[in-house]
Amino acid sequence: MTSAQSTQGALADPPHDPFFRAATAPAFTHDLLAGLAAGRYAAVRVPGFLPRQWCEEVLGALKEKAFDSYGTTRIHPPVMRFGVGVSDHMADGGVADSYWKALEGHHEAWKGLGLPFDPFRTCREGLAAHWPHGVAVGRRGGREMGDGVAREPNQGFQVHFDDALREYAEDLLDTPLIGQFAFNLYLSVPPSGGETVLWRHRWQPGDEAYRLPNASYGYDEAVVRGAESIELAPEVGEALLIDPRNFHAVRPSHGDRRIALGFAVGISTSGQLLTWA
């Protein structure tokens, strides 16, 4: 092989981190969850986590309801949602009192769907099936946080990261966290677009130069230029766990609505998984 051929091969095949990969399995096993927490995986996918019939039942109920949007001064392009997320109720590095009042309406709205099962509880039970320490909704000041939202990012999510340790001045939950996941269960997916993209890049101070002026959560994609990436196309009934401390984004959808149930998952110091939205 000539020197030129060697150089071309190096350019065609950039170095790959063997731990930066997505695992696919029939269930969220203890080893997979521990591996995601330890950094052996960037994501874990479970196809058929929720039966298609159940997805259609939840989706049918949701399509009868009006969705709100996240605060458009913070999240642009607009992302629609059904339910309440704590991110719209942040105040001085903490959680505003308005969050707890909004949660009352959240619970009433989900009860109003008339579903024969609680989809968020079903998702938590699926996560807990092989995790010895169990899963519960997290608490703050003794009060239970929101259990999840339905999100519809048809125009995509900007490049961003999620890390409760950096987003809040003190511990978000009553129990300190040592790791964090993001959970999504896909109810409806478009024929094209809607992919989740993960980059092998975590926040560092210099990244603030790329923060978008019109969206406090988002960054110009140049922030991950040159970083290794994974692109994951969603499937109906599939559950996806990622480490959201890696920069990630959702591409715009084409041809149909992209609706997923979602919540954050924290690994507590006790080993229990705690969720919130």
C-alpha atoms as a PDB file:
ATOM      1  CA  MET A   1       0.000   0.000   0.000  1.00  0.00           C
ATOM      2  CA  THR A   2       1.340   3.415  -0.924  1.00  0.00           C
ATOM      3  CA  SER A   3       1.542   6.336   1.490  1.00  0.00           C
ATOM      4  CA  ALA A   4      -1.242   8.090  -0.470  1.00  0.00           C
ATOM      5  CA  GLN A   5      -3.502   5.042  -0.254  1.00  0.00           C
ATOM      6  CA  SER A   6      -2.842   4.783   3.469  1.00  0.00           C
ATOM      7  CA  THR A   7      -3.782   8.443   3.920  1.00  0.00           C
ATOM      8  CA  GLN A   8      -6.980   8.009   1.888  1.00  0.00           C
ATOM      9  CA  GLY A   9      -7.940   4.985   3.973  1.00  0.00           C
ATOM     10  CA  ALA A  10      -7.411   6.954   7.167  1.00  0.00           C
ATOM     11  CA  LEU A  11      -9.666   9.720   5.875  1.00  0.00           C
ATOM     12  CA  ALA A  12     -12.366   7.255   4.790  1.00  0.00           C
ATOM     13  CA  ASP A  13     -12.340   5.366   8.093  1.00  0.00           C
ATOM     14  CA  PRO A  14     -11.986   7.784  11.016  1.00  0.00           C
ATOM     15  CA  PRO A  15     -11.243   6.343  14.457  1.00  0.00           C
ATOM     16  CA  HIS A  16     -14.259   4.711  16.100  1.00  0.00           C
ATOM     17  CA  ASP A  17     -14.990   4.428  19.813  1.00  0.00           C
ATOM     18  CA  PRO A  18     -16.251   0.844  20.304  1.00  0.00           C
ATOM     19  CA  PHE A  19     -18.243   1.971  23.337  1.00  0.00           C
ATOM     20  CA  PHE A  20     -20.121   4.639  21.376  1.00  0.00           C
ATOM     21  CA  ARG A  21     -22.814   2.390  19.946  1.00  0.00           C
ATOM     22  CA  ALA A  22     -26.491   1.525  20.236  1.00  0.00           C
ATOM     23  CA  ALA A  23     -27.469  -1.863  21.649  1.00  0.00           C
ATOM     24  CA  THR A  24     -30.713  -3.518  20.527  1.00  0.00           C
ATOM     25  CA  ALA A  25     -32.380  -6.141  22.722  1.00  0.00           C
ATOM     26  CA  PRO A  26     -35.818  -7.595  23.547  1.00  0.00           C
ATOM     27  CA  ALA A  27     -35.787  -6.004  27.030  1.00  0.00           C
ATOM     28  CA  PHE A  28     -33.940  -3.516  29.213  1.00  0.00           C
ATOM     29  CA  THR A  29     -31.784  -6.001  31.077  1.00  0.00           C
ATOM     30  CA  HIS A  30     -29.706  -5.248  34.138  1.00  0.00           C
ATOM     31  CA  ASP A  31     -26.498  -5.558  32.107  1.00  0.00           C
ATOM     32  CA  LEU A  32     -27.715  -3.160  29.412  1.00  0.00           C
ATOM     33  CA  LEU A  33     -28.864  -0.524  31.909  1.00  0.00           C
ATOM     34  CA  ALA A  34     -25.627  -0.833  33.864  1.00  0.00           C
ATOM     35  CA  GLY A  35     -23.682  -0.677  30.610  1.00  0.00           C
ATOM     36  CA  LEU A  36     -25.463   2.491  29.522  1.00  0.00           C
ATOM     37  CA  ALA A  37     -24.752   4.079  32.898  1.00  0.00           C
ATOM     38  CA  ALA A  38     -21.088   3.035  32.736  1.00  0.00           C
ATOM     39  CA  GLY A  39     -20.619   4.355  29.192  1.00  0.00           C
ATOM     40  CA  ARG A  40     -20.363   1.005  27.407  1.00  0.00           C
ATOM     41  CA  TYR A  41     -23.270   2.108  25.202  1.00  0.00           C
ATOM     42  CA  ALA A  42     -24.584   5.446  23.976  1.00  0.00           C
ATOM     43  CA  ALA A  43     -28.149   4.115  23.604  1.00  0.00           C
ATOM     44  CA  VAL A  44     -30.277   1.031  24.187  1.00  0.00           C
ATOM     45  CA  ARG A  45     -33.218   0.187  21.906  1.00  0.00           C
ATOM     46  CA  VAL A  46     -36.033  -2.248  22.690  1.00  0.00           C
ATOM     47  CA  PRO A  47     -38.294  -2.850  19.642  1.00  0.00           C
ATOM     48  CA  GLY A  48     -41.843  -3.884  20.510  1.00  0.00           C
ATOM     49  CA  PHE A  49     -41.534  -2.562  24.057  1.00  0.00           C
ATOM     50  CA  LEU A  50     -45.231  -1.669  23.899  1.00  0.00           C
ATOM     51  CA  PRO A  51     -47.611  -3.656  21.654  1.00  0.00           C
ATOM     52  CA  ARG A  52     -48.715  -1.771  18.543  1.00  0.00           C
ATOM     53  CA  GLN A  53     -52.362  -2.125  19.614  1.00  0.00           C
ATOM     54  CA  TRP A  54     -51.618  -0.311  22.875  1.00  0.00           C
ATOM     55  CA  CYS A  55     -49.683   2.388  21.029  1.00  0.00           C
ATOM     56  CA  GLU A  56     -52.640   2.926  18.713  1.00  0.00           C
ATOM     57  CA  GLU A  57     -54.996   3.146  21.687  1.00  0.00           C
ATOM     58  CA  VAL A  58     -52.914   5.853  23.373  1.00  0.00           C
ATOM     59  CA  LEU A  59     -52.363   7.643  20.075  1.00  0.00           C
ATOM     60  CA  GLY A  60     -56.070   7.598  19.236  1.00  0.00           C
ATOM     61  CA  ALA A  61     -56.902   9.203  22.577  1.00  0.00           C
ATOM     62  CA  LEU A  62     -54.173  11.824  22.213  1.00  0.00           C
ATOM     63  CA  LYS A  63     -55.274  12.792  18.704  1.00  0.00           C
ATOM     64  CA  GLU A  64     -58.602  13.919  20.174  1.00  0.00           C
ATOM     65  CA  LYS A  65     -56.806  16.428  22.403  1.00  0.00           C
ATOM     66  CA  ALA A  66     -55.127  19.757  21.754  1.00  0.00           C
ATOM     67  CA  PHE A  67     -51.369  19.876  22.318  1.00  0.00           C
ATOM     68  CA  ASP A  68     -49.578  22.846  23.888  1.00  0.00           C
ATOM     69  CA  SER A  69     -46.071  23.949  22.976  1.00  0.00           C
ATOM     70  CA  TYR A  70     -42.990  24.359  25.084  1.00  0.00           C
ATOM     71  CA  GLY A  71     -42.056  27.967  25.704  1.00  0.00           C
ATOM     72  CA  THR A  72     -41.151  29.261  22.241  1.00  0.00           C
ATOM     73  CA  THR A  73     -38.683  31.832  23.596  1.00  0.00           C
ATOM     74  CA  ARG A  74     -36.637  28.889  24.887  1.00  0.00           C
ATOM     75  CA  ILE A  75     -37.371  26.129  22.367  1.00  0.00           C
ATOM     76  CA  HIS A  76     -37.378  26.901  18.655  1.00  0.00           C
ATOM     77  CA  PRO A  77     -38.603  25.588  16.291  1.00  0.00           C
ATOM     78  CA  PRO A  78     -41.770  24.903  18.322  1.00  0.00           C
ATOM     79  CA  VAL A  79     -42.219  21.466  19.896  1.00  0.00           C
ATOM     80  CA  MET A  80     -45.762  20.406  20.764  1.00  0.00           C
ATOM     81  CA  ARG A  81     -46.550  18.403  23.874  1.00  0.00           C
ATOM     82  CA  PHE A  82     -49.414  16.973  25.912  1.00  0.00           C
ATOM     83  CA  GLY A  83     -48.621  17.135  29.601  1.00  0.00           C
ATOM     84  CA  VAL A  84     -46.392  19.221  31.834  1.00  0.00           C
ATOM     85  CA  GLY A  85     -42.603  19.342  31.862  1.00  0.00           C
ATOM     86  CA  VAL A  86     -40.491  20.880  34.605  1.00  0.00           C
ATOM     87  CA  SER A  87     -38.257  22.643  32.068  1.00  0.00           C
ATOM     88  CA  ASP A  88     -40.928  25.291  31.505  1.00  0.00           C
ATOM     89  CA  HIS A  89     -41.051  26.008  35.243  1.00  0.00           C
ATOM     90  CA  MET A  90     -37.435  26.747  36.117  1.00  0.00           C
ATOM     91  CA  ALA A  91     -36.673  29.712  38.368  1.00  0.00           C
ATOM     92  CA  ASP A  92     -33.271  30.832  39.657  1.00  0.00           C
ATOM     93  CA  GLY A  93     -31.754  27.397  39.231  1.00  0.00           C
ATOM     94  CA  GLY A  94     -34.680  25.680  40.918  1.00  0.00           C
ATOM     95  CA  VAL A  95     -38.301  24.732  40.270  1.00  0.00           C
ATOM     96  CA  ALA A  96     -40.985  27.432  40.282  1.00  0.00           C
ATOM     97  CA  ASP A  97     -44.139  26.992  42.362  1.00  0.00           C
ATOM     98  CA  SER A  98     -46.116  27.164  39.113  1.00  0.00           C
ATOM     99  CA  TYR A  99     -44.912  23.648  38.274  1.00  0.00           C
ATOM    100  CA  TRP A 100     -46.900  22.047  41.088  1.00  0.00           C
ATOM    101  CA  LYS A 101     -50.085  23.845  40.127  1.00  0.00           C
ATOM    102  CA  ALA A 102     -49.586  22.866  36.496  1.00  0.00           C
ATOM    103  CA  LEU A 103     -49.143  19.224  37.531  1.00  0.00           C
ATOM    104  CA  GLU A 104     -52.676  19.174  38.905  1.00  0.00           C
ATOM    105  CA  GLY A 105     -53.999  19.967  35.443  1.00  0.00           C
ATOM    106  CA  HIS A 106     -51.562  17.471  33.927  1.00  0.00           C
ATOM    107  CA  HIS A 107     -52.970  14.582  35.956  1.00  0.00           C
ATOM    108  CA  GLU A 108     -56.553  15.562  35.155  1.00  0.00           C
ATOM    109  CA  ALA A 109     -55.740  15.805  31.437  1.00  0.00           C
ATOM    110  CA  TRP A 110     -54.224  12.319  31.314  1.00  0.00           C
ATOM    111  CA  LYS A 111     -57.106  10.834  33.299  1.00  0.00           C
ATOM    112  CA  GLY A 112     -59.411  12.500  30.793  1.00  0.00           C
ATOM    113  CA  LEU A 113     -58.026  10.304  28.009  1.00  0.00           C
ATOM    114  CA  GLY A 114     -60.039   7.433  29.457  1.00  0.00           C
ATOM    115  CA  LEU A 115     -57.313   4.848  28.852  1.00  0.00           C
ATOM    116  CA  PRO A 116     -57.702   1.422  30.512  1.00  0.00           C
ATOM    117  CA  PHE A 117     -54.038   1.511  31.569  1.00  0.00           C
ATOM    118  CA  ASP A 118     -51.501   4.109  32.670  1.00  0.00           C
ATOM    119  CA  PRO A 119     -48.942   4.281  29.837  1.00  0.00           C
ATOM    120  CA  PHE A 120     -46.235   5.879  31.992  1.00  0.00           C
ATOM    121  CA  ARG A 121     -46.633   3.284  34.728  1.00  0.00           C
ATOM    122  CA  THR A 122     -46.455   0.578  32.043  1.00  0.00           C
ATOM    123  CA  CYS A 123     -43.196   2.064  30.754  1.00  0.00           C
ATOM    124  CA  ARG A 124     -41.736   2.250  34.267  1.00  0.00           C
ATOM    125  CA  GLU A 125     -42.678  -1.376  34.899  1.00  0.00           C
ATOM    126  CA  GLY A 126     -40.901  -2.372  31.693  1.00  0.00           C
ATOM    127  CA  LEU A 127     -37.774  -0.561  32.845  1.00  0.00           C
ATOM    128  CA  ALA A 128     -37.977  -2.181  36.288  1.00  0.00           C
ATOM    129  CA  ALA A 129     -38.502  -5.744  35.047  1.00  0.00           C
ATOM    130  CA  HIS A 130     -34.800  -6.645  35.271  1.00  0.00           C
ATOM    131  CA  TRP A 131     -33.515  -3.885  37.561  1.00  0.00           C
ATOM    132  CA  PRO A 132     -33.215  -5.132  41.175  1.00  0.00           C
ATOM    133  CA  HIS A 133     -33.557  -1.703  42.780  1.00  0.00           C
ATOM    134  CA  GLY A 134     -36.845  -0.837  41.060  1.00  0.00           C
ATOM    135  CA  VAL A 135     -38.178   2.301  39.411  1.00  0.00           C
ATOM    136  CA  ALA A 136     -40.307   5.093  40.901  1.00  0.00           C
ATOM    137  CA  VAL A 137     -41.383   8.638  40.084  1.00  0.00           C
ATOM    138  CA  GLY A 138     -38.903  11.014  41.703  1.00  0.00           C
ATOM    139  CA  ARG A 139     -39.823  13.434  44.463  1.00  0.00           C
ATOM    140  CA  ARG A 140     -38.792  16.992  45.237  1.00  0.00           C
ATOM    141  CA  GLY A 141     -39.535  18.376  48.688  1.00  0.00           C
ATOM    142  CA  GLY A 142     -41.523  15.216  49.321  1.00  0.00           C
ATOM    143  CA  ARG A 143     -43.834  15.887  46.372  1.00  0.00           C
ATOM    144  CA  GLU A 144     -44.000  13.559  43.388  1.00  0.00           C
ATOM    145  CA  MET A 145     -42.713  15.004  40.127  1.00  0.00           C
ATOM    146  CA  GLY A 146     -44.528  14.670  36.802  1.00  0.00           C
ATOM    147  CA  ASP A 147     -44.526  11.174  35.341  1.00  0.00           C
ATOM    148  CA  GLY A 148     -44.074  12.019  31.658  1.00  0.00           C
ATOM    149  CA  VAL A 149     -45.272  13.895  28.594  1.00  0.00           C
ATOM    150  CA  ALA A 150     -46.253  13.140  25.015  1.00  0.00           C
ATOM    151  CA  ARG A 151     -43.962  15.123  22.701  1.00  0.00           C
ATOM    152  CA  GLU A 152     -44.390  15.980  19.037  1.00  0.00           C
ATOM    153  CA  PRO A 153     -41.193  17.536  17.603  1.00  0.00           C
ATOM    154  CA  ASN A 154     -42.288  17.504  13.975  1.00  0.00           C
ATOM    155  CA  GLN A 155     -39.887  20.319  13.149  1.00  0.00           C
ATOM    156  CA  GLY A 156     -37.145  18.641  15.147  1.00  0.00           C
ATOM    157  CA  PHE A 157     -35.141  19.443  18.256  1.00  0.00           C
ATOM    158  CA  GLN A 158     -32.037  21.613  18.034  1.00  0.00           C
ATOM    159  CA  VAL A 159     -28.690  20.188  19.093  1.00  0.00           C
ATOM    160  CA  HIS A 160     -28.619  20.179  22.894  1.00  0.00           C
ATOM    161  CA  PHE A 161     -27.788  18.148  25.970  1.00  0.00           C
ATOM    162  CA  ASP A 162     -29.744  17.363  29.153  1.00  0.00           C
ATOM    163  CA  ASP A 163     -28.027  17.180  32.519  1.00  0.00           C
ATOM    164  CA  ALA A 164     -29.923  17.929  35.734  1.00  0.00           C
ATOM    165  CA  LEU A 165     -26.618  18.404  37.549  1.00  0.00           C
ATOM    166  CA  ARG A 166     -25.782  21.399  35.338  1.00  0.00           C
ATOM    167  CA  GLU A 167     -29.312  22.721  34.851  1.00  0.00           C
ATOM    168  CA  TYR A 168     -30.207  23.090  38.542  1.00  0.00           C
ATOM    169  CA  ALA A 169     -28.288  24.864  41.281  1.00  0.00           C
ATOM    170  CA  GLU A 170     -28.930  22.015  43.740  1.00  0.00           C
ATOM    171  CA  ASP A 171     -30.168  18.428  43.450  1.00  0.00           C
ATOM    172  CA  LEU A 172     -33.386  18.345  41.434  1.00  0.00           C
ATOM    173  CA  LEU A 173     -34.747  15.379  43.379  1.00  0.00           C
ATOM    174  CA  ASP A 174     -34.718  14.588  47.087  1.00  0.00           C
ATOM    175  CA  THR A 175     -32.341  11.703  46.379  1.00  0.00           C
ATOM    176  CA  PRO A 176     -29.040  12.673  44.711  1.00  0.00           C
ATOM    177  CA  LEU A 177     -28.405  11.280  41.235  1.00  0.00           C
ATOM    178  CA  ILE A 178     -25.217   9.709  39.899  1.00  0.00           C
ATOM    179  CA  GLY A 179     -26.367   9.244  36.309  1.00  0.00           C
ATOM    180  CA  GLN A 180     -29.123  10.211  33.900  1.00  0.00           C
ATOM    181  CA  PHE A 181     -30.995   8.688  30.938  1.00  0.00           C
ATOM    182  CA  ALA A 182     -33.719   9.948  28.607  1.00  0.00           C
ATOM    183  CA  PHE A 183     -36.598   7.584  27.779  1.00  0.00           C
ATOM    184  CA  ASN A 184     -38.825   7.678  24.693  1.00  0.00           C
ATOM    185  CA  LEU A 185     -41.597   5.317  23.589  1.00  0.00           C
ATOM    186  CA  TYR A 186     -42.712   5.933  20.004  1.00  0.00           C
ATOM    187  CA  LEU A 187     -46.456   5.969  19.323  1.00  0.00           C
ATOM    188  CA  SER A 188     -46.358   7.399  15.798  1.00  0.00           C
ATOM    189  CA  VAL A 189     -43.443   7.839  13.399  1.00  0.00           C
ATOM    190  CA  PRO A 190     -43.111   9.572  10.022  1.00  0.00           C
ATOM    191  CA  PRO A 191     -42.225   7.674   6.829  1.00  0.00           C
ATOM    192  CA  SER A 192     -39.042   9.740   6.669  1.00  0.00           C
ATOM    193  CA  GLY A 193     -37.177  12.005   9.036  1.00  0.00           C
ATOM    194  CA  GLY A 194     -37.632  12.110  12.795  1.00  0.00           C
ATOM    195  CA  GLU A 195     -34.292  10.435  13.512  1.00  0.00           C
ATOM    196  CA  THR A 196     -32.548  10.894  16.842  1.00  0.00           C
ATOM    197  CA  VAL A 197     -28.895  11.833  16.357  1.00  0.00           C
ATOM    198  CA  LEU A 198     -26.327  11.349  19.135  1.00  0.00           C
ATOM    199  CA  TRP A 199     -22.829  12.802  19.110  1.00  0.00           C
ATOM    200  CA  ARG A 200     -19.854  11.595  21.098  1.00  0.00           C
ATOM    201  CA  HIS A 201     -19.461  14.998  22.697  1.00  0.00           C
ATOM    202  CA  ARG A 202     -20.357  16.247  26.162  1.00  0.00           C
ATOM    203  CA  TRP A 203     -20.602  19.854  27.228  1.00  0.00           C
ATOM    204  CA  GLN A 204     -17.435  21.816  27.825  1.00  0.00           C
ATOM    205  CA  PRO A 205     -17.129  25.539  28.599  1.00  0.00           C
ATOM    206  CA  GLY A 206     -16.053  26.493  25.085  1.00  0.00           C
ATOM    207  CA  ASP A 207     -19.340  25.150  23.717  1.00  0.00           C
ATOM    208  CA  GLU A 208     -21.166  28.235  24.990  1.00  0.00           C
ATOM    209  CA  ALA A 209     -19.784  30.144  21.998  1.00  0.00           C
ATOM    210  CA  TYR A 210     -22.159  28.035  19.877  1.00  0.00           C
ATOM    211  CA  ARG A 211     -25.302  28.524  21.946  1.00  0.00           C
ATOM    212  CA  LEU A 212     -28.162  29.851  19.794  1.00  0.00           C
ATOM    213  CA  PRO A 213     -29.330  33.369  20.730  1.00  0.00           C
ATOM    214  CA  ASN A 214     -33.053  32.630  20.246  1.00  0.00           C
ATOM    215  CA  ALA A 215     -33.174  29.349  22.182  1.00  0.00           C
ATOM    216  CA  SER A 216     -31.586  29.028  25.591  1.00  0.00           C
ATOM    217  CA  TYR A 217     -31.426  25.247  25.317  1.00  0.00           C
ATOM    218  CA  GLY A 218     -30.024  24.842  21.771  1.00  0.00           C
ATOM    219  CA  TYR A 219     -26.642  25.060  20.046  1.00  0.00           C
ATOM    220  CA  ASP A 220     -25.466  25.576  16.497  1.00  0.00           C
ATOM    221  CA  GLU A 221     -24.614  22.179  15.017  1.00  0.00           C
ATOM    222  CA  ALA A 222     -21.053  23.395  14.529  1.00  0.00           C
ATOM    223  CA  VAL A 223     -20.576  22.604  18.230  1.00  0.00           C
ATOM    224  CA  VAL A 224     -20.327  18.905  17.319  1.00  0.00           C
ATOM    225  CA  ARG A 225     -18.372  19.319  14.082  1.00  0.00           C
ATOM    226  CA  GLY A 226     -16.060  16.354  13.655  1.00  0.00           C
ATOM    227  CA  ALA A 227     -17.568  14.361  16.530  1.00  0.00           C
ATOM    228  CA  GLU A 228     -18.527  10.728  16.011  1.00  0.00           C
ATOM    229  CA  SER A 229     -22.298  10.298  15.686  1.00  0.00           C
ATOM    230  CA  ILE A 230     -25.098   7.730  15.635  1.00  0.00           C
ATOM    231  CA  GLU A 231     -28.428   8.208  13.834  1.00  0.00           C
ATOM    232  CA  LEU A 232     -31.425   6.202  15.070  1.00  0.00           C
ATOM    233  CA  ALA A 233     -34.685   6.034  13.090  1.00  0.00           C
ATOM    234  CA  PRO A 234     -37.731   5.539  15.370  1.00  0.00           C
ATOM    235  CA  GLU A 235     -40.168   2.623  15.105  1.00  0.00           C
ATOM    236  CA  VAL A 236     -43.704   2.375  16.491  1.00  0.00           C
ATOM    237  CA  GLY A 237     -43.696   0.561  19.833  1.00  0.00           C
ATOM    238  CA  GLU A 238     -39.947   0.912  20.267  1.00  0.00           C
ATOM    239  CA  ALA A 239     -38.476   2.238  23.502  1.00  0.00           C
ATOM    240  CA  LEU A 240     -35.207   4.130  23.407  1.00  0.00           C
ATOM    241  CA  LEU A 241     -32.894   5.022  26.284  1.00  0.00           C
ATOM    242  CA  ILE A 242     -29.995   7.383  25.661  1.00  0.00           C
ATOM    243  CA  ASP A 243     -27.417   9.108  27.789  1.00  0.00           C
ATOM    244  CA  PRO A 244     -28.642  12.687  27.223  1.00  0.00           C
ATOM    245  CA  ARG A 245     -25.434  14.212  28.521  1.00  0.00           C
ATOM    246  CA  ASN A 246     -24.130  13.505  25.029  1.00  0.00           C
ATOM    247  CA  PHE A 247     -25.204  16.245  22.633  1.00  0.00           C
ATOM    248  CA  HIS A 248     -28.213  15.077  20.639  1.00  0.00           C
ATOM    249  CA  ALA A 249     -30.925  16.320  18.277  1.00  0.00           C
ATOM    250  CA  VAL A 250     -34.071  15.193  16.482  1.00  0.00           C
ATOM    251  CA  ARG A 251     -34.347  15.706  12.723  1.00  0.00           C
ATOM    252  CA  PRO A 252     -37.548  17.197  11.216  1.00  0.00           C
ATOM    253  CA  SER A 253     -40.321  14.748  10.306  1.00  0.00           C
ATOM    254  CA  HIS A 254     -41.778  14.341   6.820  1.00  0.00           C
ATOM    255  CA  GLY A 255     -45.155  12.858   5.975  1.00  0.00           C
ATOM    256  CA  ASP A 256     -46.714  12.150   9.392  1.00  0.00           C
ATOM    257  CA  ARG A 257     -46.671  13.114  13.058  1.00  0.00           C
ATOM    258  CA  ARG A 258     -43.849  11.921  15.313  1.00  0.00           C
ATOM    259  CA  ILE A 259     -45.359  11.422  18.770  1.00  0.00           C
ATOM    260  CA  ALA A 260     -43.541   9.775  21.657  1.00  0.00           C
ATOM    261  CA  LEU A 261     -44.045   9.340  25.383  1.00  0.00           C
ATOM    262  CA  GLY A 262     -41.031  10.659  27.214  1.00  0.00           C
ATOM    263  CA  PHE A 263     -39.483  11.239  30.616  1.00  0.00           C
ATOM    264  CA  ALA A 264     -36.085  11.574  32.260  1.00  0.00           C
ATOM    265  CA  VAL A 265     -34.580   8.738  34.280  1.00  0.00           C
ATOM    266  CA  GLY A 266     -32.019   9.258  37.026  1.00  0.00           C
ATOM    267  CA  ILE A 267     -29.891   6.645  38.749  1.00  0.00           C
ATOM    268  CA  SER A 268     -30.022   7.456  42.450  1.00  0.00           C
ATOM    269  CA  THR A 269     -27.303   6.819  45.003  1.00  0.00           C
ATOM    270  CA  SER A 270     -29.451   3.959  46.318  1.00  0.00           C
ATOM    271  CA  GLY A 271     -29.462   2.304  42.892  1.00  0.00           C
ATOM    272  CA  GLN A 272     -33.165   2.967  42.338  1.00  0.00           C
ATOM    273  CA  LEU A 273     -34.184   4.493  38.997  1.00  0.00           C
ATOM    274  CA  LEU A 274     -36.158   7.711  39.471  1.00  0.00           C
ATOM    275  CA  THR A 275     -38.179   9.355  36.716  1.00  0.00           C
ATOM    276  CA  TRP A 276     -39.457  12.869  36.142  1.00  0.00           C
ATOM    277  CA  ALA A 277     -40.780  15.132  33.421  1.00  0.00           C
END
